[in-house]
Amino acid sequence: MEPNLQHVLKRLRIMVSDYAYRRQERNFDLFGINVCTVEYDHQTMLFSIFERQNNGTFIFDDIDLAAIEIYNQLVDFQLVF
């Protein structure tokens, strides 16, 4: 499965529009392995991206920048897999 920026952005938009819970969480996997977990907080309107490979955390207030970071992590993971 190839990483696709449009699919990442679509999943993030769904998180923003889903008000079932204050915090929305999604996993982004590649080859059945979790690459990163994304959490969106409706109260703060921030995306938190938890990178599994380097145990890093990134916080974004812009959906496009969050999507690019997730996409880059997926591509980087694919190159080393």
Protein backbone atom coordinates (compact mmCIF):
# COMPACT_ATOMS: atom_id res chain seq x y z
CA MET A 1 0.00 0.00 0.00
CA GLU A 2 1.42 3.33 -1.06
CA PRO A 3 1.14 6.31 1.29
CA ASN A 4 -1.19 8.93 -0.18
CA LEU A 5 -1.35 12.51 1.07
CA GLN A 6 -5.00 12.89 0.04
CA HIS A 7 -6.03 9.84 2.10
CA VAL A 8 -4.16 11.18 5.12
CA LEU A 9 -5.84 14.58 4.78
CA LYS A 10 -9.27 12.96 4.39
CA ARG A 11 -8.79 10.96 7.62
CA LEU A 12 -7.74 14.12 9.48
CA ARG A 13 -10.79 16.02 8.21
CA ILE A 14 -13.01 13.21 9.46
CA MET A 15 -11.38 13.51 12.88
CA VAL A 16 -12.10 17.25 12.95
CA SER A 17 -15.75 16.76 11.97
CA ASP A 18 -16.40 13.91 14.45
CA TYR A 19 -17.67 15.36 17.73
CA ALA A 20 -18.53 12.02 19.38
CA TYR A 21 -15.61 12.50 21.77
CA ARG A 22 -13.56 15.52 22.79
CA ARG A 23 -10.41 13.75 21.63
CA GLN A 24 -10.26 11.76 18.43
CA GLU A 25 -7.48 9.22 17.92
CA ARG A 26 -6.40 7.42 14.76
CA ASN A 27 -3.55 5.06 13.98
CA PHE A 28 -1.67 5.26 10.70
CA ASP A 29 -0.29 1.87 9.79
CA LEU A 30 1.80 0.55 6.95
CA PHE A 31 2.29 -3.17 6.25
CA GLY A 32 0.30 -3.88 9.42
CA ILE A 33 2.73 -1.93 11.61
CA ASN A 34 1.76 1.21 13.49
CA VAL A 35 3.86 4.10 12.17
CA CYS A 36 2.22 6.89 14.14
CA THR A 37 -0.83 7.72 16.21
CA VAL A 38 -2.65 11.00 15.77
CA GLU A 39 -4.83 12.64 18.37
CA TYR A 40 -7.07 15.63 17.68
CA ASP A 41 -8.36 17.68 20.61
CA HIS A 42 -11.55 19.60 19.77
CA GLN A 43 -11.11 21.97 22.70
CA THR A 44 -7.60 23.12 21.81
CA MET A 45 -7.96 22.37 18.05
CA LEU A 46 -4.49 20.78 18.06
CA PHE A 47 -3.18 17.67 16.34
CA SER A 48 -0.69 15.60 18.34
CA ILE A 49 1.32 13.10 16.32
CA PHE A 50 3.12 10.36 18.21
CA GLU A 51 5.88 8.84 16.09
CA ARG A 52 6.59 5.20 16.93
CA GLN A 53 9.99 4.82 15.24
CA ASN A 54 11.81 7.57 17.17
CA ASN A 55 9.33 8.04 20.04
CA GLY A 56 8.84 11.67 19.01
CA THR A 57 5.81 13.89 19.48
CA PHE A 58 4.78 16.67 17.12
CA ILE A 59 1.99 19.18 17.72
CA PHE A 60 0.30 21.13 14.93
CA ASP A 61 -2.52 23.66 14.78
CA ASP A 62 -2.76 23.37 10.99
CA ILE A 63 -4.37 20.34 9.35
CA ASP A 64 -2.21 20.59 6.22
CA LEU A 65 1.05 20.59 8.17
CA ALA A 66 -0.16 17.65 10.27
CA ALA A 67 -1.04 15.73 7.08
CA ILE A 68 2.38 16.42 5.56
CA GLU A 69 4.15 15.21 8.72
CA ILE A 70 2.11 11.99 8.79
CA TYR A 71 2.71 11.43 5.09
CA ASN A 72 6.46 11.96 5.53
CA GLN A 73 6.55 9.47 8.39
CA LEU A 74 4.74 6.88 6.28
CA VAL A 75 7.10 7.40 3.33
CA ASP A 76 10.18 7.25 5.58
CA PHE A 77 8.93 4.04 7.16
CA GLN A 78 8.25 2.53 3.74
CA LEU A 79 11.81 3.27 2.62
CA VAL A 80 13.36 1.41 5.55
CA PHE A 81 10.91 -1.48 5.61
